[in-house]
N, C-alpha and C. Protein backbone atom coordinates (compact mmCIF):
# COMPACT_ATOMS: atom_id res chain seq x y z
N MET A 1 161.91 -146.70 159.67
CA MET A 1 162.62 -145.35 159.86
C MET A 1 162.18 -144.42 160.87
N THR A 2 163.35 -144.37 161.52
CA THR A 2 162.74 -144.05 163.06
C THR A 2 164.08 -142.72 162.95
N GLY A 3 164.23 -142.28 164.46
CA GLY A 3 165.28 -140.99 164.78
C GLY A 3 164.61 -139.96 164.99
N GLU A 4 163.93 -139.15 164.10
CA GLU A 4 163.21 -138.02 164.34
C GLU A 4 162.22 -138.26 165.39
N PRO A 5 162.08 -137.51 166.95
CA PRO A 5 160.93 -137.74 167.29
C PRO A 5 159.68 -137.79 166.88
N GLY A 6 159.10 -139.01 167.15
CA GLY A 6 157.32 -138.94 166.56
C GLY A 6 157.78 -139.36 164.88
N GLY A 7 159.08 -139.43 164.60
CA GLY A 7 159.27 -140.00 163.09
C GLY A 7 158.72 -139.16 162.07
N ARG A 8 158.68 -139.32 160.83
CA ARG A 8 158.20 -138.50 159.73
C ARG A 8 156.75 -139.13 159.12
N HIS A 9 156.05 -138.52 158.63
CA HIS A 9 154.75 -138.63 158.21
C HIS A 9 154.17 -138.13 157.35
N VAL A 10 154.01 -138.64 156.08
CA VAL A 10 153.43 -138.37 154.90
C VAL A 10 152.14 -138.77 154.46
N VAL A 11 151.09 -138.08 154.21
CA VAL A 11 149.88 -138.76 153.49
C VAL A 11 149.86 -138.09 151.92
N VAL A 12 149.63 -139.06 151.27
CA VAL A 12 149.88 -139.04 149.78
C VAL A 12 147.86 -138.72 149.39
N MET A 13 147.82 -137.79 149.33
CA MET A 13 146.32 -137.72 149.17
C MET A 13 145.93 -136.91 147.54
N GLY A 14 144.17 -137.18 147.18
CA GLY A 14 143.76 -136.75 146.33
C GLY A 14 142.77 -137.79 145.81
N VAL A 15 142.10 -137.23 145.05
CA VAL A 15 140.42 -138.04 144.85
C VAL A 15 140.92 -139.66 144.24
N SER A 16 139.72 -140.35 144.49
CA SER A 16 139.88 -141.55 144.15
C SER A 16 140.70 -141.97 142.80
N GLY A 17 141.42 -143.05 142.08
CA GLY A 17 141.72 -142.94 141.02
C GLY A 17 143.01 -142.33 140.95
N SER A 18 143.42 -141.05 141.53
CA SER A 18 144.53 -140.59 141.31
C SER A 18 145.96 -141.47 141.44
N GLY A 19 146.06 -142.27 142.16
CA GLY A 19 147.35 -143.17 142.16
C GLY A 19 148.12 -143.29 143.48
N LYS A 20 146.78 -142.70 144.52
CA LYS A 20 147.72 -142.68 145.95
C LYS A 20 148.14 -143.70 146.38
N THR A 21 147.54 -144.86 145.85
CA THR A 21 148.06 -146.14 147.07
C THR A 21 149.44 -146.60 146.19
N THR A 22 149.43 -146.48 145.04
CA THR A 22 150.54 -146.77 144.02
C THR A 22 151.86 -146.17 144.37
N VAL A 23 151.44 -144.45 144.85
CA VAL A 23 152.76 -143.75 145.09
C VAL A 23 153.07 -143.83 146.29
N ALA A 24 151.91 -144.01 147.50
CA ALA A 24 152.55 -144.28 148.69
C ALA A 24 153.24 -145.36 149.03
N ARG A 25 152.94 -146.39 148.31
CA ARG A 25 153.69 -147.76 148.67
C ARG A 25 154.98 -147.78 147.82
N GLY A 26 155.11 -147.02 146.78
CA GLY A 26 156.44 -146.50 146.21
C GLY A 26 157.26 -146.03 147.20
N ILE A 27 156.68 -144.91 147.99
CA ILE A 27 157.30 -144.16 149.00
C ILE A 27 158.01 -145.10 150.02
N GLY A 28 157.05 -145.78 150.41
CA GLY A 28 157.24 -146.96 151.47
C GLY A 28 158.15 -147.61 151.39
N ALA A 29 158.39 -147.99 149.94
CA ALA A 29 158.99 -149.24 149.60
C ALA A 29 160.99 -149.07 149.60
N VAL A 30 161.05 -147.44 148.95
CA VAL A 30 162.26 -146.96 148.98
C VAL A 30 162.70 -146.23 149.93
N THR A 31 161.85 -145.74 151.24
CA THR A 31 162.26 -145.13 152.48
C THR A 31 162.24 -145.80 153.91
N GLY A 32 161.33 -147.18 153.86
CA GLY A 32 161.51 -148.03 154.87
C GLY A 32 160.08 -147.21 155.66
N LEU A 33 159.47 -146.29 154.99
CA LEU A 33 158.29 -145.91 155.73
C LEU A 33 157.24 -146.81 155.59
N THR A 34 156.45 -147.02 156.93
CA THR A 34 155.57 -148.08 157.50
C THR A 34 153.94 -147.67 156.45
N PHE A 35 153.45 -148.39 155.81
CA PHE A 35 152.68 -147.79 154.60
C PHE A 35 151.17 -148.39 155.51
N ALA A 36 149.86 -147.26 155.13
CA ALA A 36 148.78 -147.93 155.21
C ALA A 36 147.86 -147.13 154.42
N GLU A 37 146.63 -148.02 153.97
CA GLU A 37 145.84 -147.64 153.35
C GLU A 37 144.51 -146.98 153.65
N ALA A 38 144.12 -145.68 153.47
CA ALA A 38 143.15 -145.30 154.89
C ALA A 38 141.81 -145.69 154.17
N ASP A 39 141.88 -146.50 153.12
CA ASP A 39 140.54 -146.93 152.49
C ASP A 39 140.33 -148.06 153.75
N GLU A 40 141.32 -148.89 153.91
CA GLU A 40 141.36 -150.05 154.98
C GLU A 40 140.46 -149.49 156.48
N PHE A 41 140.28 -148.64 156.79
CA PHE A 41 139.65 -147.82 157.64
C PHE A 41 138.37 -147.63 158.17
N HIS A 42 137.60 -147.68 156.93
CA HIS A 42 136.39 -147.53 156.14
C HIS A 42 135.65 -148.58 157.11
N SER A 43 134.52 -147.69 158.00
CA SER A 43 133.56 -149.04 158.55
C SER A 43 133.30 -149.47 157.13
N PRO A 44 132.14 -150.63 157.57
CA PRO A 44 131.58 -151.45 156.33
C PRO A 44 130.51 -150.69 156.15
N GLU A 45 129.63 -150.01 156.84
CA GLU A 45 128.62 -149.11 156.26
C GLU A 45 129.31 -148.02 155.44
N ASN A 46 130.65 -147.16 155.54
CA ASN A 46 131.01 -146.58 154.51
C ASN A 46 130.91 -147.22 153.42
N VAL A 47 131.80 -148.04 153.35
CA VAL A 47 132.13 -148.84 152.06
C VAL A 47 130.47 -149.50 151.32
N ALA A 48 129.35 -149.62 152.19
CA ALA A 48 127.92 -150.26 151.28
C ALA A 48 127.74 -148.82 150.63
N LEU A 49 128.03 -147.63 151.48
CA LEU A 49 127.57 -146.66 150.83
C LEU A 49 128.32 -146.29 149.96
N MET A 50 129.08 -146.21 149.48
CA MET A 50 130.39 -145.66 148.39
C MET A 50 130.35 -146.74 147.32
N ARG A 51 129.91 -148.33 147.56
CA ARG A 51 129.79 -149.26 146.65
C ARG A 51 128.47 -149.15 146.07
N SER A 52 127.56 -148.64 146.43
CA SER A 52 125.97 -148.36 146.19
C SER A 52 126.25 -146.83 145.34
N GLY A 53 127.10 -146.15 144.99
CA GLY A 53 127.46 -144.88 144.27
C GLY A 53 126.77 -143.75 145.41
N VAL A 54 127.02 -143.95 146.77
CA VAL A 54 126.60 -142.64 147.50
C VAL A 54 127.67 -142.22 148.02
N PRO A 55 127.60 -140.94 147.88
CA PRO A 55 128.93 -140.05 148.45
C PRO A 55 128.97 -140.45 149.81
N LEU A 56 129.94 -140.03 150.62
CA LEU A 56 130.19 -139.96 151.91
C LEU A 56 130.00 -138.53 152.30
N ASP A 57 129.55 -138.52 153.58
CA ASP A 57 129.59 -137.10 154.05
C ASP A 57 130.53 -136.94 155.31
N ASP A 58 130.13 -135.84 155.81
CA ASP A 58 131.39 -135.38 157.02
C ASP A 58 130.80 -136.27 158.50
N SER A 59 129.67 -136.81 158.39
CA SER A 59 129.33 -137.53 159.40
C SER A 59 129.84 -138.76 158.91
N ASN A 60 129.55 -139.44 158.32
CA ASN A 60 130.59 -140.74 157.93
C ASN A 60 132.11 -140.39 158.01
N ARG A 61 132.68 -139.24 157.20
CA ARG A 61 134.12 -139.45 157.60
C ARG A 61 134.74 -139.20 158.56
N ARG A 62 134.10 -138.59 159.73
CA ARG A 62 134.63 -137.65 160.91
C ARG A 62 135.25 -139.41 161.90
N PRO A 63 134.21 -140.27 162.05
CA PRO A 63 135.36 -141.26 162.57
C PRO A 63 136.61 -142.01 161.79
N TRP A 64 136.23 -141.90 160.65
CA TRP A 64 136.81 -142.85 159.89
C TRP A 64 138.50 -141.88 160.02
N LEU A 65 138.27 -140.37 159.60
CA LEU A 65 139.65 -139.82 159.93
C LEU A 65 140.01 -139.75 161.70
N ALA A 66 139.13 -139.51 162.33
CA ALA A 66 139.68 -139.80 163.87
C ALA A 66 140.90 -141.02 163.73
N ASP A 67 140.23 -142.11 163.27
CA ASP A 67 141.01 -143.64 163.14
C ASP A 67 142.49 -143.35 162.59
N ILE A 68 142.35 -143.03 161.75
CA ILE A 68 143.42 -142.84 161.13
C ILE A 68 144.33 -141.77 161.45
N ALA A 69 143.55 -141.16 161.96
CA ALA A 69 145.26 -139.93 162.74
C ALA A 69 145.42 -140.99 164.17
N LEU A 70 144.62 -141.42 164.79
CA LEU A 70 145.21 -142.26 165.87
C LEU A 70 146.29 -143.46 165.36
N TRP A 71 146.36 -144.20 164.35
CA TRP A 71 146.90 -144.94 163.92
C TRP A 71 148.28 -143.88 163.62
N ILE A 72 148.19 -142.71 163.25
CA ILE A 72 149.40 -142.24 162.97
C ILE A 72 150.43 -141.66 164.23
N ALA A 73 149.47 -141.81 165.55
CA ALA A 73 149.59 -140.90 166.72
C ALA A 73 150.52 -142.31 167.16
N ALA A 74 149.95 -143.59 166.89
CA ALA A 74 150.60 -144.94 167.43
C ALA A 74 151.67 -145.03 167.06
N ARG A 75 151.89 -144.59 166.03
CA ARG A 75 153.35 -145.14 165.14
C ARG A 75 154.26 -143.29 165.62
N ALA A 76 153.87 -142.63 165.53
CA ALA A 76 154.49 -141.90 166.50
C ALA A 76 154.96 -141.74 167.46
N ALA A 77 154.20 -142.57 168.32
CA ALA A 77 154.64 -142.66 169.57
C ALA A 77 155.74 -143.51 169.55
N GLU A 78 155.50 -144.67 168.72
CA GLU A 78 156.89 -145.69 168.50
C GLU A 78 157.52 -145.33 168.06
N GLY A 79 157.79 -143.84 167.57
CA GLY A 79 158.97 -143.48 166.81
C GLY A 79 158.90 -144.11 165.11
N ARG A 80 157.64 -144.60 164.86
CA ARG A 80 157.88 -144.87 163.52
C ARG A 80 157.46 -144.04 162.66
N SER A 81 157.82 -144.11 161.34
CA SER A 81 157.35 -142.90 160.60
C SER A 81 156.42 -143.71 159.74
N THR A 82 155.67 -143.26 159.14
CA THR A 82 154.56 -143.71 158.39
C THR A 82 154.13 -143.07 156.96
N VAL A 83 153.58 -143.34 155.63
CA VAL A 83 152.94 -143.00 154.80
C VAL A 83 151.59 -143.88 154.29
N LEU A 84 150.99 -143.00 154.39
CA LEU A 84 149.55 -143.14 154.24
C LEU A 84 148.70 -142.72 152.60
N ALA A 85 148.12 -143.52 152.49
CA ALA A 85 147.30 -143.23 151.00
C ALA A 85 145.98 -142.91 151.39
N CYS A 86 145.08 -141.52 151.35
CA CYS A 86 144.49 -140.96 152.06
C CYS A 86 143.95 -139.56 151.11
N SER A 87 142.37 -139.79 150.83
CA SER A 87 141.99 -138.60 150.00
C SER A 87 141.94 -137.59 150.65
N ALA A 88 141.89 -137.31 152.31
CA ALA A 88 141.78 -135.80 153.01
C ALA A 88 141.55 -134.63 151.60
N LEU A 89 140.40 -134.76 151.16
CA LEU A 89 139.96 -133.51 150.44
C LEU A 89 139.78 -132.47 150.93
N ARG A 90 139.44 -132.69 152.12
CA ARG A 90 139.07 -131.17 152.74
C ARG A 90 140.24 -130.59 153.85
N ARG A 91 140.56 -129.32 153.90
CA ARG A 91 141.55 -128.81 154.69
C ARG A 91 141.00 -129.07 156.35
N SER A 92 139.82 -129.34 156.76
CA SER A 92 139.39 -129.91 157.95
C SER A 92 139.61 -131.41 158.13
N TYR A 93 139.69 -131.90 156.67
CA TYR A 93 140.11 -133.51 157.01
C TYR A 93 141.85 -133.64 157.38
N ARG A 94 142.20 -132.66 156.85
CA ARG A 94 143.93 -132.50 156.53
C ARG A 94 144.22 -132.07 158.69
N ASP A 95 143.22 -131.44 158.98
CA ASP A 95 143.87 -130.69 160.34
C ASP A 95 143.45 -132.26 160.81
N VAL A 96 142.69 -132.62 160.62
CA VAL A 96 142.37 -134.10 162.11
C VAL A 96 143.37 -134.90 161.67
N LEU A 97 143.98 -134.91 160.53
CA LEU A 97 145.22 -136.10 160.07
C LEU A 97 146.42 -135.61 161.21
N ARG A 98 146.56 -134.44 161.13
CA ARG A 98 147.68 -133.15 161.70
C ARG A 98 147.93 -133.45 162.77
N GLN A 99 146.33 -133.77 163.40
CA GLN A 99 146.45 -134.51 165.11
C GLN A 99 146.89 -135.61 165.36
N GLY A 100 147.52 -136.56 164.30
CA GLY A 100 148.28 -137.49 164.51
C GLY A 100 149.74 -137.68 165.42
N ALA A 101 150.33 -136.51 164.80
CA ALA A 101 152.09 -136.28 164.86
C ALA A 101 151.93 -135.04 165.00
N PRO A 102 153.19 -134.19 164.98
CA PRO A 102 153.51 -133.22 165.58
C PRO A 102 154.04 -132.60 163.74
N GLN A 103 154.56 -133.43 163.09
CA GLN A 103 154.54 -133.19 161.21
C GLN A 103 154.52 -133.87 160.50
N VAL A 104 153.02 -133.59 159.82
CA VAL A 104 152.29 -134.73 158.79
C VAL A 104 152.70 -133.56 157.53
N ASP A 105 153.30 -134.13 156.63
CA ASP A 105 153.58 -133.71 154.93
C ASP A 105 152.56 -134.48 154.26
N PHE A 106 152.16 -133.63 153.35
CA PHE A 106 151.11 -134.22 152.12
C PHE A 106 151.47 -133.84 151.17
N VAL A 107 151.30 -135.03 150.08
CA VAL A 107 151.22 -135.20 148.58
C VAL A 107 150.41 -135.23 147.83
N HIS A 108 150.07 -134.02 147.31
CA HIS A 108 148.49 -133.87 146.89
C HIS A 108 149.02 -134.27 144.98
N LEU A 109 148.20 -135.66 145.01
CA LEU A 109 148.04 -136.05 143.32
C LEU A 109 147.05 -135.31 142.64
N HIS A 110 147.92 -134.48 141.72
CA HIS A 110 146.24 -133.65 140.98
C HIS A 110 146.39 -133.55 139.70
N GLY A 111 145.39 -133.54 138.90
CA GLY A 111 145.42 -133.37 137.48
C GLY A 111 143.92 -133.49 136.96
N PRO A 112 144.04 -133.72 135.75
CA PRO A 112 142.93 -133.79 134.67
C PRO A 112 141.80 -134.69 134.94
N ALA A 113 140.50 -134.12 135.09
CA ALA A 113 139.39 -135.22 135.76
C ALA A 113 139.25 -136.75 134.54
N GLU A 114 139.54 -136.17 133.59
CA GLU A 114 139.72 -137.04 132.44
C GLU A 114 140.28 -138.26 132.50
N VAL A 115 141.85 -137.67 132.82
CA VAL A 115 142.69 -138.86 133.28
C VAL A 115 142.48 -140.20 134.46
N ILE A 116 141.76 -139.31 135.70
CA ILE A 116 141.66 -139.93 136.83
C ILE A 116 140.51 -141.07 136.38
N ARG A 117 139.64 -140.36 135.31
CA ARG A 117 137.98 -141.00 135.60
C ARG A 117 138.58 -142.53 134.53
N GLU A 118 139.36 -141.83 133.72
CA GLU A 118 139.52 -143.08 132.54
C GLU A 118 140.18 -144.43 133.26
N ARG A 119 141.15 -144.03 134.74
CA ARG A 119 141.90 -144.80 135.79
C ARG A 119 140.93 -145.33 136.36
N MET A 120 140.04 -144.89 136.94
CA MET A 120 138.96 -145.23 137.91
C MET A 120 138.07 -146.52 136.56
N ALA A 121 137.60 -146.21 135.51
CA ALA A 121 137.03 -147.07 134.85
C ALA A 121 137.76 -148.58 134.50
N ARG A 122 139.21 -148.07 134.44
CA ARG A 122 139.68 -149.36 134.11
C ARG A 122 140.41 -150.30 135.64
N ARG A 123 139.84 -149.58 136.51
CA ARG A 123 139.92 -150.52 137.92
C ARG A 123 139.29 -152.00 138.09
N GLU A 124 139.50 -152.97 138.54
CA GLU A 124 138.94 -153.76 138.75
C GLU A 124 139.12 -154.16 140.22
N GLY A 125 137.89 -154.26 140.87
CA GLY A 125 137.68 -154.81 142.37
C GLY A 125 137.63 -154.00 143.46
N HIS A 126 137.71 -152.47 142.94
CA HIS A 126 137.61 -151.46 143.90
C HIS A 126 136.14 -150.98 144.09
N TYR A 127 136.15 -150.84 145.27
CA TYR A 127 133.75 -150.41 145.52
C TYR A 127 134.02 -148.63 145.07
N MET A 128 134.93 -148.13 144.75
CA MET A 128 134.48 -146.62 144.58
C MET A 128 134.27 -146.52 143.24
N PRO A 129 133.10 -146.53 142.28
CA PRO A 129 132.69 -146.45 141.33
C PRO A 129 133.29 -145.36 140.82
N ALA A 130 133.69 -144.97 139.63
CA ALA A 130 133.73 -143.71 139.07
C ALA A 130 132.92 -142.73 138.82
N SER A 131 131.32 -143.44 138.87
CA SER A 131 130.37 -141.97 139.29
C SER A 131 130.72 -140.86 140.23
N LEU A 132 131.55 -141.47 141.68
CA LEU A 132 131.50 -140.99 142.46
C LEU A 132 132.56 -139.60 142.57
N LEU A 133 133.37 -139.43 141.45
CA LEU A 133 134.30 -138.80 140.92
C LEU A 133 134.06 -137.10 140.68
N ASP A 134 132.94 -137.07 140.35
CA ASP A 134 132.32 -135.52 140.30
C ASP A 134 132.37 -134.76 142.09
N SER A 135 131.63 -136.40 143.05
CA SER A 135 131.29 -135.44 144.09
C SER A 135 132.82 -135.33 144.75
N GLN A 136 133.67 -136.17 144.25
CA GLN A 136 135.01 -135.89 145.13
C GLN A 136 135.68 -134.58 144.78
N LEU A 137 135.56 -134.32 143.12
CA LEU A 137 136.09 -133.08 142.83
C LEU A 137 135.49 -131.68 143.71
N ALA A 138 134.29 -131.91 143.66
CA ALA A 138 133.30 -130.66 144.55
C ALA A 138 133.90 -130.77 145.85
N THR A 139 134.27 -131.56 146.53
CA THR A 139 135.05 -131.43 147.84
C THR A 139 135.77 -131.33 148.14
N LEU A 140 136.86 -131.43 146.98
CA LEU A 140 138.63 -130.90 147.04
C LEU A 140 138.29 -129.54 147.35
N GLU A 141 139.25 -129.45 148.72
CA GLU A 141 140.13 -128.02 148.80
C GLU A 141 141.16 -127.88 148.52
N PRO A 142 141.64 -127.06 147.48
CA PRO A 142 143.16 -126.61 147.55
C PRO A 142 143.78 -126.66 148.66
N ALA A 143 145.14 -126.81 148.84
CA ALA A 143 146.08 -126.70 150.19
C ALA A 143 145.77 -125.19 149.72
N GLU A 144 145.89 -124.82 151.44
CA GLU A 144 146.06 -123.65 151.58
C GLU A 144 147.90 -122.96 152.25
N PRO A 145 148.15 -121.53 151.64
CA PRO A 145 149.42 -121.48 152.12
C PRO A 145 150.40 -121.59 153.07
N ASP A 146 149.28 -121.95 154.29
CA ASP A 146 150.19 -122.14 155.88
C ASP A 146 150.12 -123.79 155.61
N GLU A 147 149.54 -124.50 154.96
CA GLU A 147 149.41 -126.06 154.82
C GLU A 147 151.41 -126.48 154.13
N SER A 148 151.79 -127.45 154.48
CA SER A 148 152.87 -128.36 153.73
C SER A 148 152.32 -129.72 153.12
N VAL A 149 152.06 -129.06 151.66
CA VAL A 149 151.47 -129.76 150.57
C VAL A 149 152.11 -129.67 149.48
N LEU A 150 152.79 -130.93 148.73
CA LEU A 150 153.76 -130.95 148.02
C LEU A 150 152.10 -131.42 146.48
N VAL A 151 152.16 -130.48 146.17
CA VAL A 151 151.28 -130.89 144.44
C VAL A 151 152.08 -131.26 143.54
N LEU A 152 151.08 -132.48 143.12
CA LEU A 152 152.72 -133.17 141.82
C LEU A 152 151.24 -133.56 140.78
N ASP A 153 151.94 -133.73 139.23
CA ASP A 153 150.83 -133.75 138.55
C ASP A 153 150.83 -135.44 138.41
N VAL A 154 149.29 -135.94 138.07
CA VAL A 154 149.00 -137.13 138.13
C VAL A 154 149.35 -137.51 137.17
N SER A 155 149.35 -136.93 135.78
CA SER A 155 149.79 -137.74 134.54
C SER A 155 151.09 -137.91 134.74
N LEU A 156 152.02 -137.56 135.05
CA LEU A 156 153.24 -138.21 135.29
C LEU A 156 153.56 -139.57 135.63
N PRO A 157 154.85 -140.63 135.27
CA PRO A 157 154.89 -141.71 135.72
C PRO A 157 154.53 -142.30 137.47
N PRO A 158 154.28 -143.20 137.88
CA PRO A 158 154.50 -143.28 139.47
C PRO A 158 155.71 -143.47 139.64
N ARG A 159 156.90 -144.16 139.03
CA ARG A 159 157.96 -144.23 139.40
C ARG A 159 158.45 -142.23 139.57
N ALA A 160 158.08 -141.49 138.46
CA ALA A 160 158.51 -140.02 138.58
C ALA A 160 158.21 -139.54 139.95
N LEU A 161 156.46 -139.49 140.34
CA LEU A 161 155.98 -138.88 141.41
C LEU A 161 156.60 -139.53 142.42
N VAL A 162 156.80 -140.49 142.81
CA VAL A 162 157.85 -141.50 144.00
C VAL A 162 159.26 -140.40 144.15
N ALA A 163 159.60 -140.79 142.86
CA ALA A 163 161.16 -139.66 143.13
C ALA A 163 160.97 -138.47 143.71
N ILE A 164 159.92 -137.87 142.77
CA ILE A 164 160.02 -136.53 143.03
C ILE A 164 159.22 -136.19 144.67
N ALA A 165 158.82 -136.91 145.03
CA ALA A 165 158.19 -136.88 146.44
C ALA A 165 159.02 -136.82 147.58
N VAL A 166 159.90 -137.99 147.60
CA VAL A 166 161.02 -138.70 148.29
C VAL A 166 162.05 -137.03 148.61
N ARG A 167 162.62 -136.92 147.02
CA ARG A 167 163.52 -135.77 147.17
C ARG A 167 163.03 -134.17 147.45
N ARG A 168 161.96 -133.72 146.95
CA ARG A 168 161.24 -132.53 147.63
C ARG A 168 161.25 -132.96 149.50
N LEU A 169 160.31 -134.09 149.88
CA LEU A 169 160.13 -133.98 151.25
C LEU A 169 161.81 -133.90 152.07
N GLY A 170 162.50 -134.81 151.19
CA GLY A 170 163.82 -134.82 152.20
C GLY A 170 164.11 -136.21 152.65
N LEU A 171 163.64 -137.37 151.86
CA LEU A 171 162.98 -138.44 152.70
C LEU A 171 164.63 -139.30 152.48
N PRO A 172 165.11 -139.91 153.18
CA PRO A 172 166.17 -140.69 153.13
C PRO A 172 165.79 -141.71 152.41
N LEU A 173 166.77 -143.01 151.73
CA LEU A 173 166.04 -143.68 150.68
C LEU A 173 166.78 -145.04 151.72
N TRP A 174 166.12 -146.28 151.72
CA TRP A 174 166.25 -147.18 152.68
C TRP A 174 166.47 -148.59 151.93
N THR A 175 167.51 -149.01 151.96
CA THR A 175 167.72 -150.41 151.87
C THR A 175 168.14 -151.37 153.11
N PRO A 176 167.08 -152.71 152.66
CA PRO A 176 166.97 -153.76 153.49
C PRO A 176 168.72 -154.02 153.56
N VAL A 177 168.95 -154.48 155.01
CA VAL A 177 170.17 -155.47 154.94
C VAL A 177 170.14 -156.45 154.43
N GLY A 178 171.51 -156.36 153.65
CA GLY A 178 172.01 -157.51 152.77
C GLY A 178 171.02 -157.61 151.34
N LYS A 179 170.21 -156.55 150.71
CA LYS A 179 169.68 -156.74 149.46
C LYS A 179 170.09 -155.62 149.02
N PRO A 180 170.52 -155.81 147.66
CA PRO A 180 170.60 -154.18 146.61
C PRO A 180 169.60 -152.93 146.91
N SER A 181 169.90 -151.84 146.75
CA SER A 181 168.90 -151.23 146.15
C SER A 181 167.78 -151.19 145.15
N GLU A 182 166.72 -151.87 145.07
CA GLU A 182 165.78 -151.42 143.89
C GLU A 182 164.76 -150.97 144.26
N GLY A 183 163.72 -150.83 143.67
CA GLY A 183 162.43 -149.93 143.84
C GLY A 183 162.08 -149.05 143.05
N MET A 184 161.24 -148.08 143.12
CA MET A 184 160.49 -147.24 142.28
C MET A 184 161.47 -146.36 141.58
N LEU A 185 162.73 -146.21 142.31
CA LEU A 185 163.78 -144.85 142.06
C LEU A 185 164.70 -145.61 140.88
N GLY A 186 164.83 -146.57 140.59
CA GLY A 186 165.93 -147.29 139.87
C GLY A 186 165.50 -147.32 138.92
């Protein structure tokens, strides 16, 4: 999706296990926005810390967030729109991500800790243990009134979250040439 100077940029945010990746991929699938997973920007040292149950601090997060903002900036310079799955737990973290493009919208997947903890316990192959959920919840700063953040209930099914986010953000649907419109809105 192009057209607007710098494109559109959406960050699906929330604590680990809230469904960020599923919803961000869904938004990308129905809109054509280029998807990225913020976890893939972590250094091996950050991954090792989290895997061993050690929460990251701001000194660990700073270079990670800067790399993500640079990725957004590069896509914006190309006129490409993006959707990113990223925790973005603090206002200061969201401010760093906003440096990547003139307009970055956030979709915050928020809900009961019990629901999220249960999801984390069922996940396989992810380095983030459920034991770190409490530290993420303690770090989370709700959006301030001047931030462009759409808060959605994590208890809703992913298809519904994608549909609500696309509609409320005014993102156009995308259909690949020669293929029927399918995906998470159908």
